[in-house]
All heavy atoms as atom14 arrays in JSON, in Angstrom:
{
  "sequence": "RDNAKNMVYLQMNSLTPEDTAVYYCKASRNGIEYW",
  "atom14_mask": [
    [1, 1, 1, 1, 1, 1, 1, 1, 1, 1, 1, 0, 0, 0],
    [1, 1, 1, 1, 1, 1, 1, 1, 0, 0, 0, 0, 0, 0],
    [1, 1, 1, 1, 1, 1, 1, 1, 0, 0, 0, 0, 0, 0],
    [1, 1, 1, 1, 1, 0, 0, 0, 0, 0, 0, 0, 0, 0],
    [1, 1, 1, 1, 1, 1, 1, 1, 1, 0, 0, 0, 0, 0],
    [1, 1, 1, 1, 1, 1, 1, 1, 0, 0, 0, 0, 0, 0],
    [1, 1, 1, 1, 1, 1, 1, 1, 0, 0, 0, 0, 0, 0],
    [1, 1, 1, 1, 1, 1, 1, 0, 0, 0, 0, 0, 0, 0],
    [1, 1, 1, 1, 1, 1, 1, 1, 1, 1, 1, 1, 0, 0],
    [1, 1, 1, 1, 1, 1, 1, 1, 0, 0, 0, 0, 0, 0],
    [1, 1, 1, 1, 1, 1, 1, 1, 1, 0, 0, 0, 0, 0],
    [1, 1, 1, 1, 1, 1, 1, 1, 0, 0, 0, 0, 0, 0],
    [1, 1, 1, 1, 1, 1, 1, 1, 0, 0, 0, 0, 0, 0],
    [1, 1, 1, 1, 1, 1, 0, 0, 0, 0, 0, 0, 0, 0],
    [1, 1, 1, 1, 1, 1, 1, 1, 0, 0, 0, 0, 0, 0],
    [1, 1, 1, 1, 1, 1, 1, 0, 0, 0, 0, 0, 0, 0],
    [1, 1, 1, 1, 1, 1, 1, 0, 0, 0, 0, 0, 0, 0],
    [1, 1, 1, 1, 1, 1, 1, 1, 1, 0, 0, 0, 0, 0],
    [1, 1, 1, 1, 1, 1, 1, 1, 0, 0, 0, 0, 0, 0],
    [1, 1, 1, 1, 1, 1, 1, 0, 0, 0, 0, 0, 0, 0],
    [1, 1, 1, 1, 1, 0, 0, 0, 0, 0, 0, 0, 0, 0],
    [1, 1, 1, 1, 1, 1, 1, 0, 0, 0, 0, 0, 0, 0],
    [1, 1, 1, 1, 1, 1, 1, 1, 1, 1, 1, 1, 0, 0],
    [1, 1, 1, 1, 1, 1, 1, 1, 1, 1, 1, 1, 0, 0],
    [1, 1, 1, 1, 1, 1, 0, 0, 0, 0, 0, 0, 0, 0],
    [1, 1, 1, 1, 1, 1, 1, 1, 1, 0, 0, 0, 0, 0],
    [1, 1, 1, 1, 1, 0, 0, 0, 0, 0, 0, 0, 0, 0],
    [1, 1, 1, 1, 1, 1, 0, 0, 0, 0, 0, 0, 0, 0],
    [1, 1, 1, 1, 1, 1, 1, 1, 1, 1, 1, 0, 0, 0],
    [1, 1, 1, 1, 1, 1, 1, 1, 0, 0, 0, 0, 0, 0],
    [1, 1, 1, 1, 0, 0, 0, 0, 0, 0, 0, 0, 0, 0],
    [1, 1, 1, 1, 1, 1, 1, 1, 0, 0, 0, 0, 0, 0],
    [1, 1, 1, 1, 1, 1, 1, 1, 1, 0, 0, 0, 0, 0],
    [1, 1, 1, 1, 1, 1, 1, 1, 1, 1, 1, 1, 0, 0],
    [1, 1, 1, 1, 1, 1, 1, 1, 1, 1, 1, 1, 1, 1]
  ],
  "atom14_positions": [
    [[-13.16, 138.38, 47.02], [-14.52, 138.11, 47.35], [-14.69, 136.6, 47.68], [-13.96, 135.82, 47.07], [-15.49, 138.49, 46.23], [-15.37, 137.8, 44.92], [-16.13, 138.48, 43.78], [-17.53, 138.61, 44.11], [-18.33, 139.49, 43.53], [-17.91, 140.24, 42.51], [-19.59, 139.6, 43.84], [0.0, 0.0, 0.0], [0.0, 0.0, 0.0], [0.0, 0.0, 0.0]],
    [[-15.61, 136.35, 48.49], [-16.0, 134.92, 48.89], [-17.44, 134.81, 48.68], [-18.28, 135.18, 49.53], [-15.57, 134.61, 50.32], [-15.85, 133.16, 50.74], [-16.65, 132.54, 50.08], [-15.19, 132.66, 51.63], [0.0, 0.0, 0.0], [0.0, 0.0, 0.0], [0.0, 0.0, 0.0], [0.0, 0.0, 0.0], [0.0, 0.0, 0.0], [0.0, 0.0, 0.0]],
    [[-17.85, 134.38, 47.47], [-19.27, 134.36, 47.19], [-20.11, 133.41, 48.06], [-21.26, 133.67, 48.32], [-19.45, 133.98, 45.71], [-18.95, 135.03, 44.75], [-18.93, 136.25, 45.06], [-18.57, 134.64, 43.55], [0.0, 0.0, 0.0], [0.0, 0.0, 0.0], [0.0, 0.0, 0.0], [0.0, 0.0, 0.0], [0.0, 0.0, 0.0], [0.0, 0.0, 0.0]],
    [[-19.48, 132.34, 48.51], [-20.14, 131.4, 49.37], [-20.62, 132.09, 50.67], [-21.6, 131.69, 51.28], [-19.3, 130.14, 49.61], [0.0, 0.0, 0.0], [0.0, 0.0, 0.0], [0.0, 0.0, 0.0], [0.0, 0.0, 0.0], [0.0, 0.0, 0.0], [0.0, 0.0, 0.0], [0.0, 0.0, 0.0], [0.0, 0.0, 0.0], [0.0, 0.0, 0.0]],
    [[-19.79, 132.99, 51.1], [-20.05, 133.75, 52.39], [-20.66, 135.05, 52.19], [-21.0, 135.74, 53.21], [-18.82, 133.86, 53.2], [-18.19, 132.58, 53.64], [-16.87, 132.87, 54.46], [-16.34, 131.51, 54.92], [-15.05, 131.72, 55.72], [0.0, 0.0, 0.0], [0.0, 0.0, 0.0], [0.0, 0.0, 0.0], [0.0, 0.0, 0.0], [0.0, 0.0, 0.0]],
    [[-20.93, 135.45, 50.9], [-21.45, 136.78, 50.59], [-20.56, 137.91, 51.22], [-21.04, 138.92, 51.77], [-22.9, 136.95, 51.17], [-23.89, 137.02, 49.98], [-23.62, 136.73, 48.88], [-25.14, 137.37, 50.35], [0.0, 0.0, 0.0], [0.0, 0.0, 0.0], [0.0, 0.0, 0.0], [0.0, 0.0, 0.0], [0.0, 0.0, 0.0], [0.0, 0.0, 0.0]],
    [[-19.29, 137.71, 51.04], [-18.29, 138.66, 51.64], [-17.35, 139.21, 50.61], [-17.04, 138.55, 49.59], [-17.45, 137.89, 52.7], [-18.27, 137.44, 53.9], [-18.77, 138.7, 55.05], [-17.19, 139.36, 55.68], [0.0, 0.0, 0.0], [0.0, 0.0, 0.0], [0.0, 0.0, 0.0], [0.0, 0.0, 0.0], [0.0, 0.0, 0.0], [0.0, 0.0, 0.0]],
    [[-16.93, 140.44, 50.88], [-15.84, 141.05, 50.06], [-14.86, 141.64, 51.01], [-15.22, 142.15, 52.12], [-16.43, 142.24, 49.17], [-15.31, 142.89, 48.36], [-17.48, 141.68, 48.22], [0.0, 0.0, 0.0], [0.0, 0.0, 0.0], [0.0, 0.0, 0.0], [0.0, 0.0, 0.0], [0.0, 0.0, 0.0], [0.0, 0.0, 0.0], [0.0, 0.0, 0.0]],
    [[-13.59, 141.59, 50.6], [-12.52, 141.98, 51.48], [-11.61, 142.94, 50.82], [-11.5, 142.99, 49.63], [-11.68, 140.76, 51.99], [-12.46, 139.64, 52.51], [-12.86, 138.57, 51.78], [-12.86, 139.68, 53.86], [-13.59, 137.49, 52.31], [-13.6, 138.69, 54.44], [-13.98, 137.58, 53.62], [-14.79, 136.54, 54.18], [0.0, 0.0, 0.0], [0.0, 0.0, 0.0]],
    [[-10.92, 143.82, 51.65], [-9.91, 144.67, 51.15], [-8.68, 144.56, 52.04], [-8.73, 145.03, 53.19], [-10.36, 146.1, 51.09], [-9.38, 147.06, 50.41], [-9.23, 146.8, 48.93], [-9.79, 148.54, 50.59], [0.0, 0.0, 0.0], [0.0, 0.0, 0.0], [0.0, 0.0, 0.0], [0.0, 0.0, 0.0], [0.0, 0.0, 0.0], [0.0, 0.0, 0.0]],
    [[-7.67, 143.9, 51.56], [-6.41, 143.82, 52.31], [-5.56, 145.03, 52.0], [-5.31, 145.27, 50.79], [-5.65, 142.55, 51.92], [-4.33, 142.35, 52.62], [-4.42, 142.21, 54.09], [-5.25, 141.43, 54.59], [-3.59, 142.87, 54.86], [0.0, 0.0, 0.0], [0.0, 0.0, 0.0], [0.0, 0.0, 0.0], [0.0, 0.0, 0.0], [0.0, 0.0, 0.0]],
    [[-5.25, 145.81, 53.06], [-4.47, 147.02, 52.84], [-3.14, 146.92, 53.51], [-3.12, 146.77, 54.71], [-5.3, 148.23, 53.44], [-6.7, 148.35, 52.87], [-7.52, 149.81, 53.38], [-7.62, 149.55, 55.11], [0.0, 0.0, 0.0], [0.0, 0.0, 0.0], [0.0, 0.0, 0.0], [0.0, 0.0, 0.0], [0.0, 0.0, 0.0], [0.0, 0.0, 0.0]],
    [[-2.11, 147.03, 52.78], [-0.77, 146.93, 53.24], [-0.01, 148.3, 53.02], [-0.43, 149.08, 52.21], [-0.01, 145.78, 52.56], [-0.61, 144.45, 52.82], [-1.21, 144.26, 53.87], [-0.5, 143.55, 51.86], [0.0, 0.0, 0.0], [0.0, 0.0, 0.0], [0.0, 0.0, 0.0], [0.0, 0.0, 0.0], [0.0, 0.0, 0.0], [0.0, 0.0, 0.0]],
    [[1.11, 148.42, 53.69], [1.92, 149.64, 53.54], [1.15, 150.92, 53.59], [1.24, 151.79, 52.76], [2.71, 149.56, 52.18], [3.49, 148.39, 52.15], [0.0, 0.0, 0.0], [0.0, 0.0, 0.0], [0.0, 0.0, 0.0], [0.0, 0.0, 0.0], [0.0, 0.0, 0.0], [0.0, 0.0, 0.0], [0.0, 0.0, 0.0], [0.0, 0.0, 0.0]],
    [[0.28, 150.95, 54.61], [-0.64, 152.13, 54.74], [0.14, 153.4, 55.02], [1.16, 153.4, 55.75], [-1.64, 151.83, 55.85], [-2.78, 150.84, 55.43], [-3.4, 150.26, 56.68], [-3.71, 151.53, 54.55], [0.0, 0.0, 0.0], [0.0, 0.0, 0.0], [0.0, 0.0, 0.0], [0.0, 0.0, 0.0], [0.0, 0.0, 0.0], [0.0, 0.0, 0.0]],
    [[-0.39, 154.46, 54.5], [0.22, 155.82, 54.69], [-0.87, 156.73, 55.33], [-2.07, 156.45, 55.21], [0.7, 156.45, 53.41], [-0.44, 156.83, 52.62], [1.54, 155.43, 52.6], [0.0, 0.0, 0.0], [0.0, 0.0, 0.0], [0.0, 0.0, 0.0], [0.0, 0.0, 0.0], [0.0, 0.0, 0.0], [0.0, 0.0, 0.0], [0.0, 0.0, 0.0]],
    [[-0.51, 157.87, 55.88], [-1.52, 158.81, 56.4], [-2.47, 159.23, 55.32], [-3.64, 159.56, 55.64], [-0.64, 159.97, 56.91], [0.62, 159.37, 57.33], [0.91, 158.25, 56.27], [0.0, 0.0, 0.0], [0.0, 0.0, 0.0], [0.0, 0.0, 0.0], [0.0, 0.0, 0.0], [0.0, 0.0, 0.0], [0.0, 0.0, 0.0], [0.0, 0.0, 0.0]],
    [[-2.1, 159.27, 54.05], [-2.99, 159.64, 52.96], [-4.13, 158.63, 52.77], [-5.08, 158.94, 52.1], [-2.22, 159.81, 51.65], [-1.31, 161.1, 51.6], [-0.14, 160.96, 52.57], [0.45, 159.88, 52.72], [0.22, 162.03, 53.19], [0.0, 0.0, 0.0], [0.0, 0.0, 0.0], [0.0, 0.0, 0.0], [0.0, 0.0, 0.0], [0.0, 0.0, 0.0]],
    [[-3.98, 157.43, 53.33], [-5.08, 156.44, 53.19], [-6.13, 156.67, 54.33], [-7.15, 155.94, 54.32], [-4.47, 155.04, 53.39], [-3.52, 154.7, 52.26], [-3.84, 154.97, 51.08], [-2.45, 154.14, 52.49], [0.0, 0.0, 0.0], [0.0, 0.0, 0.0], [0.0, 0.0, 0.0], [0.0, 0.0, 0.0], [0.0, 0.0, 0.0], [0.0, 0.0, 0.0]],
    [[-5.93, 157.6, 55.2], [-6.89, 157.77, 56.2], [-8.18, 158.29, 55.61], [-8.25, 159.24, 54.83], [-6.42, 158.88, 57.18], [-5.23, 158.37, 57.9], [-7.47, 159.31, 58.22], [0.0, 0.0, 0.0], [0.0, 0.0, 0.0], [0.0, 0.0, 0.0], [0.0, 0.0, 0.0], [0.0, 0.0, 0.0], [0.0, 0.0, 0.0], [0.0, 0.0, 0.0]],
    [[-9.24, 157.59, 55.92], [-10.58, 157.92, 55.35], [-11.67, 156.92, 55.91], [-11.31, 155.96, 56.56], [-10.59, 157.8, 53.82], [0.0, 0.0, 0.0], [0.0, 0.0, 0.0], [0.0, 0.0, 0.0], [0.0, 0.0, 0.0], [0.0, 0.0, 0.0], [0.0, 0.0, 0.0], [0.0, 0.0, 0.0], [0.0, 0.0, 0.0], [0.0, 0.0, 0.0]],
    [[-12.89, 157.3, 55.61], [-13.97, 156.28, 55.85], [-14.02, 155.46, 54.51], [-14.14, 156.05, 53.45], [-15.26, 156.97, 56.13], [-16.39, 155.94, 56.25], [-15.23, 157.79, 57.43], [0.0, 0.0, 0.0], [0.0, 0.0, 0.0], [0.0, 0.0, 0.0], [0.0, 0.0, 0.0], [0.0, 0.0, 0.0], [0.0, 0.0, 0.0], [0.0, 0.0, 0.0]],
    [[-14.06, 154.19, 54.64], [-14.05, 153.29, 53.48], [-15.51, 152.72, 53.44], [-15.97, 152.16, 54.37], [-13.05, 152.18, 53.6], [-11.66, 152.71, 53.32], [-11.0, 153.55, 54.21], [-10.96, 152.4, 52.11], [-9.73, 154.0, 53.96], [-9.7, 152.87, 51.83], [-9.12, 153.71, 52.76], [-7.84, 154.16, 52.51], [0.0, 0.0, 0.0], [0.0, 0.0, 0.0]],
    [[-16.03, 152.79, 52.19], [-17.4, 152.31, 51.98], [-17.4, 151.14, 51.0], [-16.7, 151.13, 50.04], [-18.24, 153.52, 51.36], [-18.42, 154.67, 52.26], [-17.51, 155.73, 52.17], [-19.48, 154.76, 53.15], [-17.68, 156.82, 53.01], [-19.67, 155.85, 53.94], [-18.75, 156.9, 53.86], [-18.92, 158.02, 54.69], [0.0, 0.0, 0.0], [0.0, 0.0, 0.0]],
    [[-18.26, 150.23, 51.21], [-18.47, 149.06, 50.36], [-19.72, 149.39, 49.45], [-20.67, 149.94, 49.98], [-18.67, 147.86, 51.22], [-19.05, 146.29, 50.25], [0.0, 0.0, 0.0], [0.0, 0.0, 0.0], [0.0, 0.0, 0.0], [0.0, 0.0, 0.0], [0.0, 0.0, 0.0], [0.0, 0.0, 0.0], [0.0, 0.0, 0.0], [0.0, 0.0, 0.0]],
    [[-19.61, 149.01, 48.2], [-20.73, 149.26, 47.27], [-20.94, 147.98, 46.43], [-20.03, 147.34, 45.94], [-20.48, 150.42, 46.32], [-21.68, 150.77, 45.47], [-21.38, 151.91, 44.54], [-20.77, 151.5, 43.23], [-20.78, 152.62, 42.25], [0.0, 0.0, 0.0], [0.0, 0.0, 0.0], [0.0, 0.0, 0.0], [0.0, 0.0, 0.0], [0.0, 0.0, 0.0]],
    [[-22.22, 147.64, 46.29], [-22.62, 146.59, 45.37], [-23.35, 147.22, 44.22], [-24.24, 148.1, 44.43], [-23.51, 145.56, 46.05], [0.0, 0.0, 0.0], [0.0, 0.0, 0.0], [0.0, 0.0, 0.0], [0.0, 0.0, 0.0], [0.0, 0.0, 0.0], [0.0, 0.0, 0.0], [0.0, 0.0, 0.0], [0.0, 0.0, 0.0], [0.0, 0.0, 0.0]],
    [[-23.03, 146.9, 43.02], [-23.73, 147.51, 41.86], [-24.04, 146.49, 40.77], [-23.26, 145.54, 40.53], [-22.89, 148.58, 41.27], [-21.57, 148.16, 40.84], [0.0, 0.0, 0.0], [0.0, 0.0, 0.0], [0.0, 0.0, 0.0], [0.0, 0.0, 0.0], [0.0, 0.0, 0.0], [0.0, 0.0, 0.0], [0.0, 0.0, 0.0], [0.0, 0.0, 0.0]],
    [[-25.16, 146.72, 40.13], [-25.51, 145.8, 39.01], [-26.69, 146.45, 38.24], [-27.66, 146.87, 38.82], [-26.11, 144.51, 39.66], [-26.73, 143.52, 38.63], [-27.2, 142.28, 39.32], [-28.16, 141.5, 38.52], [-27.81, 140.71, 37.54], [-26.56, 140.46, 37.27], [-28.76, 139.97, 36.89], [0.0, 0.0, 0.0], [0.0, 0.0, 0.0], [0.0, 0.0, 0.0]],
    [[-26.46, 146.62, 36.95], [-27.48, 147.16, 36.05], [-28.06, 148.48, 36.61], [-29.29, 148.62, 36.54], [-28.62, 146.1, 35.82], [-28.1, 144.89, 35.08], [-27.12, 144.93, 34.38], [-28.85, 143.79, 35.34], [0.0, 0.0, 0.0], [0.0, 0.0, 0.0], [0.0, 0.0, 0.0], [0.0, 0.0, 0.0], [0.0, 0.0, 0.0], [0.0, 0.0, 0.0]],
    [[-27.18, 149.34, 37.0], [-27.66, 150.68, 37.42], [-28.16, 150.73, 38.93], [-28.5, 151.8, 39.44], [0.0, 0.0, 0.0], [0.0, 0.0, 0.0], [0.0, 0.0, 0.0], [0.0, 0.0, 0.0], [0.0, 0.0, 0.0], [0.0, 0.0, 0.0], [0.0, 0.0, 0.0], [0.0, 0.0, 0.0], [0.0, 0.0, 0.0], [0.0, 0.0, 0.0]],
    [[-28.28, 149.56, 39.5], [-28.7, 149.55, 40.92], [-27.51, 149.5, 41.78], [-26.56, 148.79, 41.56], [-29.57, 148.29, 41.16], [-30.84, 148.27, 40.29], [-29.93, 148.14, 42.64], [-31.57, 147.03, 40.38], [0.0, 0.0, 0.0], [0.0, 0.0, 0.0], [0.0, 0.0, 0.0], [0.0, 0.0, 0.0], [0.0, 0.0, 0.0], [0.0, 0.0, 0.0]],
    [[-27.55, 150.38, 42.82], [-26.41, 150.5, 43.76], [-26.86, 150.35, 45.14], [-27.96, 150.86, 45.59], [-25.71, 151.85, 43.59], [-25.03, 152.09, 42.26], [-24.29, 153.36, 42.22], [-24.47, 154.22, 43.12], [-23.57, 153.59, 41.22], [0.0, 0.0, 0.0], [0.0, 0.0, 0.0], [0.0, 0.0, 0.0], [0.0, 0.0, 0.0], [0.0, 0.0, 0.0]],
    [[-26.07, 149.65, 46.0], [-26.25, 149.63, 47.47], [-24.95, 149.99, 48.1], [-23.88, 149.56, 47.71], [-26.69, 148.19, 47.85], [-27.98, 147.7, 47.26], [-27.92, 146.71, 46.21], [-29.2, 148.17, 47.65], [-29.07, 146.24, 45.69], [-30.41, 147.68, 47.05], [-30.32, 146.76, 46.05], [-31.49, 146.34, 45.51], [0.0, 0.0, 0.0], [0.0, 0.0, 0.0]],
    [[-25.07, 150.78, 49.19], [-23.93, 151.25, 49.89], [-23.94, 150.8, 51.38], [-25.03, 150.76, 52.0], [-23.82, 152.7, 49.88], [-23.45, 153.36, 48.57], [-24.39, 153.75, 47.59], [-22.16, 153.64, 48.06], [-23.66, 154.23, 46.53], [-22.32, 154.21, 46.79], [-20.9, 153.55, 48.6], [-21.22, 154.65, 46.09], [-19.8, 153.96, 47.81], [-20.04, 154.46, 46.55]]
  ]
}
């Protein structure tokens, strides 16, 4: 994460066909969620 930029990253290496999917980002705090 880069809090200064309000960004989160996911570096994915050695990918396989089983990793095929839609990837969703979620923010959560005290029971509140944003997708």
